[in-house]
């Protein structure tokens, strides 16, 4: 029996709660499908650079993990995200703004 997965919208709500508790500003750039939309998290360092994360499946363990989609100049990261949105109209895009580059995706409950 497989473990039921959270809906995308519920995961996003929980993520925003965790970010608020750490005083990390974030906002939804693009709202995707409430049930099964994929999520990209853009970590904006507020210095002209950014990093975008997406969930992927670890081929060794089968676990869902966060991996770097792209990183570098913010404009280049934005261009990659825009391209991804063109492929997947159900995609959620969340932007996290933190000079210390915190995103919390590596914390328990968010890390997989």
C-alpha atoms as a PDB file:
ATOM      1  CA  UNK A   1       0.000   0.000   0.000  1.00  0.00           C
ATOM      2  CA  UNK A   2       1.436   3.378  -0.980  1.00  0.00           C
ATOM      3  CA  UNK A   3       1.501   6.371   1.313  1.00  0.00           C
ATOM      4  CA  UNK A   4      -0.958   9.055   0.237  1.00  0.00           C
ATOM      5  CA  UNK A   5       0.717  12.235  -0.960  1.00  0.00           C
ATOM      6  CA  UNK A   6      -0.249  15.737   0.058  1.00  0.00           C
ATOM      7  CA  UNK A   7      -1.980  17.847  -2.538  1.00  0.00           C
ATOM      8  CA  UNK A   8       0.211  20.541  -4.054  1.00  0.00           C
ATOM      9  CA  UNK A   9      -1.888  23.293  -2.498  1.00  0.00           C
ATOM     10  CA  UNK A  10      -1.696  21.795   0.995  1.00  0.00           C
ATOM     11  CA  UNK A  11       2.083  21.376   0.681  1.00  0.00           C
ATOM     12  CA  UNK A  12       2.417  25.017  -0.430  1.00  0.00           C
ATOM     13  CA  UNK A  13       0.324  26.203   2.520  1.00  0.00           C
ATOM     14  CA  UNK A  14       2.447  24.184   4.950  1.00  0.00           C
ATOM     15  CA  UNK A  15       5.639  25.495   3.334  1.00  0.00           C
ATOM     16  CA  UNK A  16       4.480  29.099   3.705  1.00  0.00           C
ATOM     17  CA  UNK A  17       3.691  28.466   7.374  1.00  0.00           C
ATOM     18  CA  UNK A  18       7.210  27.153   7.962  1.00  0.00           C
ATOM     19  CA  UNK A  19       8.732  30.127   6.138  1.00  0.00           C
ATOM     20  CA  UNK A  20       6.633  32.626   8.144  1.00  0.00           C
ATOM     21  CA  UNK A  21       7.746  31.013  11.404  1.00  0.00           C
ATOM     22  CA  UNK A  22      11.359  31.731  10.386  1.00  0.00           C
ATOM     23  CA  UNK A  23      10.534  35.267   9.151  1.00  0.00           C
ATOM     24  CA  UNK A  24      11.492  34.364   5.589  1.00  0.00           C
ATOM     25  CA  UNK A  25       9.477  36.330   3.009  1.00  0.00           C
ATOM     26  CA  UNK A  26       7.906  34.350   0.171  1.00  0.00           C
ATOM     27  CA  UNK A  27       5.141  34.695  -2.364  1.00  0.00           C
ATOM     28  CA  UNK A  28       3.411  32.709  -5.076  1.00  0.00           C
ATOM     29  CA  UNK A  29       4.556  33.740  -8.545  1.00  0.00           C
ATOM     30  CA  UNK A  30       2.347  31.218 -10.300  1.00  0.00           C
ATOM     31  CA  UNK A  31      -0.471  29.143  -8.826  1.00  0.00           C
ATOM     32  CA  UNK A  32      -0.606  25.686 -10.335  1.00  0.00           C
ATOM     33  CA  UNK A  33      -3.022  22.793 -10.143  1.00  0.00           C
ATOM     34  CA  UNK A  34      -4.319  22.521  -6.570  1.00  0.00           C
ATOM     35  CA  UNK A  35      -4.167  18.742  -6.506  1.00  0.00           C
ATOM     36  CA  UNK A  36      -1.202  17.534  -8.498  1.00  0.00           C
ATOM     37  CA  UNK A  37       0.747  20.538  -9.762  1.00  0.00           C
ATOM     38  CA  UNK A  38       4.525  20.347  -9.640  1.00  0.00           C
ATOM     39  CA  UNK A  39       6.344  22.980  -7.539  1.00  0.00           C
ATOM     40  CA  UNK A  40       9.431  25.045  -8.317  1.00  0.00           C
ATOM     41  CA  UNK A  41      10.951  27.069  -5.490  1.00  0.00           C
ATOM     42  CA  UNK A  42      13.079  30.041  -6.501  1.00  0.00           C
ATOM     43  CA  UNK A  43      15.450  31.208  -3.775  1.00  0.00           C
ATOM     44  CA  UNK A  44      16.195  34.879  -4.470  1.00  0.00           C
ATOM     45  CA  UNK A  45      19.310  36.037  -2.610  1.00  0.00           C
ATOM     46  CA  UNK A  46      18.420  39.702  -3.286  1.00  0.00           C
ATOM     47  CA  UNK A  47      21.883  40.325  -4.760  1.00  0.00           C
ATOM     48  CA  UNK A  48      21.086  39.635  -8.415  1.00  0.00           C
ATOM     49  CA  UNK A  49      21.477  35.868  -8.061  1.00  0.00           C
ATOM     50  CA  UNK A  50      18.973  33.098  -7.551  1.00  0.00           C
ATOM     51  CA  UNK A  51      18.598  29.347  -7.444  1.00  0.00           C
ATOM     52  CA  UNK A  52      15.595  27.284  -8.500  1.00  0.00           C
ATOM     53  CA  UNK A  53      14.714  23.918  -6.981  1.00  0.00           C
ATOM     54  CA  UNK A  54      12.394  21.225  -8.266  1.00  0.00           C
ATOM     55  CA  UNK A  55      11.376  17.859  -6.908  1.00  0.00           C
ATOM     56  CA  UNK A  56      12.797  14.787  -8.534  1.00  0.00           C
ATOM     57  CA  UNK A  57      12.928  11.078  -7.826  1.00  0.00           C
ATOM     58  CA  UNK A  58      16.197   9.681  -6.475  1.00  0.00           C
ATOM     59  CA  UNK A  59      16.865   6.706  -8.753  1.00  0.00           C
ATOM     60  CA  UNK A  60      18.688   4.788  -6.034  1.00  0.00           C
ATOM     61  CA  UNK A  61      16.154   5.094  -3.237  1.00  0.00           C
ATOM     62  CA  UNK A  62      12.951   6.002  -5.074  1.00  0.00           C
ATOM     63  CA  UNK A  63      12.503   8.935  -2.662  1.00  0.00           C
ATOM     64  CA  UNK A  64      11.335  12.323  -3.872  1.00  0.00           C
ATOM     65  CA  UNK A  65      14.088  14.891  -3.290  1.00  0.00           C
ATOM     66  CA  UNK A  66      14.727  18.560  -4.032  1.00  0.00           C
ATOM     67  CA  UNK A  67      17.350  19.154  -6.723  1.00  0.00           C
ATOM     68  CA  UNK A  68      18.737  22.312  -8.280  1.00  0.00           C
ATOM     69  CA  UNK A  69      17.030  23.105 -11.577  1.00  0.00           C
ATOM     70  CA  UNK A  70      19.223  26.124 -12.290  1.00  0.00           C
ATOM     71  CA  UNK A  71      21.257  28.775 -10.508  1.00  0.00           C
ATOM     72  CA  UNK A  72      23.085  31.968 -11.366  1.00  0.00           C
ATOM     73  CA  UNK A  73      22.000  35.420 -12.444  1.00  0.00           C
ATOM     74  CA  UNK A  74      18.399  36.042 -11.440  1.00  0.00           C
ATOM     75  CA  UNK A  75      17.360  36.919 -15.000  1.00  0.00           C
ATOM     76  CA  UNK A  76      18.696  33.575 -16.259  1.00  0.00           C
ATOM     77  CA  UNK A  77      16.922  31.672 -13.486  1.00  0.00           C
ATOM     78  CA  UNK A  78      13.695  33.513 -14.321  1.00  0.00           C
ATOM     79  CA  UNK A  79      14.095  32.613 -18.008  1.00  0.00           C
ATOM     80  CA  UNK A  80      14.456  28.924 -17.131  1.00  0.00           C
ATOM     81  CA  UNK A  81      11.376  29.057 -14.896  1.00  0.00           C
ATOM     82  CA  UNK A  82       9.380  30.795 -17.643  1.00  0.00           C
ATOM     83  CA  UNK A  83      10.409  28.044 -20.045  1.00  0.00           C
ATOM     84  CA  UNK A  84       9.287  25.382 -17.547  1.00  0.00           C
ATOM     85  CA  UNK A  85       5.923  27.146 -17.141  1.00  0.00           C
ATOM     86  CA  UNK A  86       5.534  26.954 -20.936  1.00  0.00           C
ATOM     87  CA  UNK A  87       5.891  23.158 -20.725  1.00  0.00           C
ATOM     88  CA  UNK A  88       3.693  22.771 -17.635  1.00  0.00           C
ATOM     89  CA  UNK A  89       0.773  25.183 -17.151  1.00  0.00           C
ATOM     90  CA  UNK A  90      -0.103  23.423 -13.852  1.00  0.00           C
ATOM     91  CA  UNK A  91       3.257  24.400 -12.319  1.00  0.00           C
ATOM     92  CA  UNK A  92       3.436  26.245  -8.992  1.00  0.00           C
ATOM     93  CA  UNK A  93       6.270  28.775  -8.706  1.00  0.00           C
ATOM     94  CA  UNK A  94       7.159  30.061  -5.250  1.00  0.00           C
ATOM     95  CA  UNK A  95       9.736  32.782  -4.698  1.00  0.00           C
ATOM     96  CA  UNK A  96      11.584  32.878  -1.384  1.00  0.00           C
ATOM     97  CA  UNK A  97      13.545  36.053  -0.652  1.00  0.00           C
ATOM     98  CA  UNK A  98      16.403  35.744   1.800  1.00  0.00           C
ATOM     99  CA  UNK A  99      19.885  37.265   1.757  1.00  0.00           C
ATOM    100  CA  UNK A 100      21.167  34.286   3.759  1.00  0.00           C
ATOM    101  CA  UNK A 101      19.875  31.956   0.999  1.00  0.00           C
ATOM    102  CA  UNK A 102      17.554  30.077   3.372  1.00  0.00           C
ATOM    103  CA  UNK A 103      14.763  28.077   1.771  1.00  0.00           C
ATOM    104  CA  UNK A 104      14.091  25.326   4.366  1.00  0.00           C
ATOM    105  CA  UNK A 105      13.697  22.623   1.684  1.00  0.00           C
ATOM    106  CA  UNK A 106      16.341  20.530   3.446  1.00  0.00           C
ATOM    107  CA  UNK A 107      14.377  20.461   6.731  1.00  0.00           C
ATOM    108  CA  UNK A 108      12.426  17.400   7.902  1.00  0.00           C
ATOM    109  CA  UNK A 109       8.944  17.345   6.422  1.00  0.00           C
ATOM    110  CA  UNK A 110       9.991  19.507   3.486  1.00  0.00           C
ATOM    111  CA  UNK A 111      13.076  17.628   2.384  1.00  0.00           C
ATOM    112  CA  UNK A 112      11.291  14.883   0.465  1.00  0.00           C
END
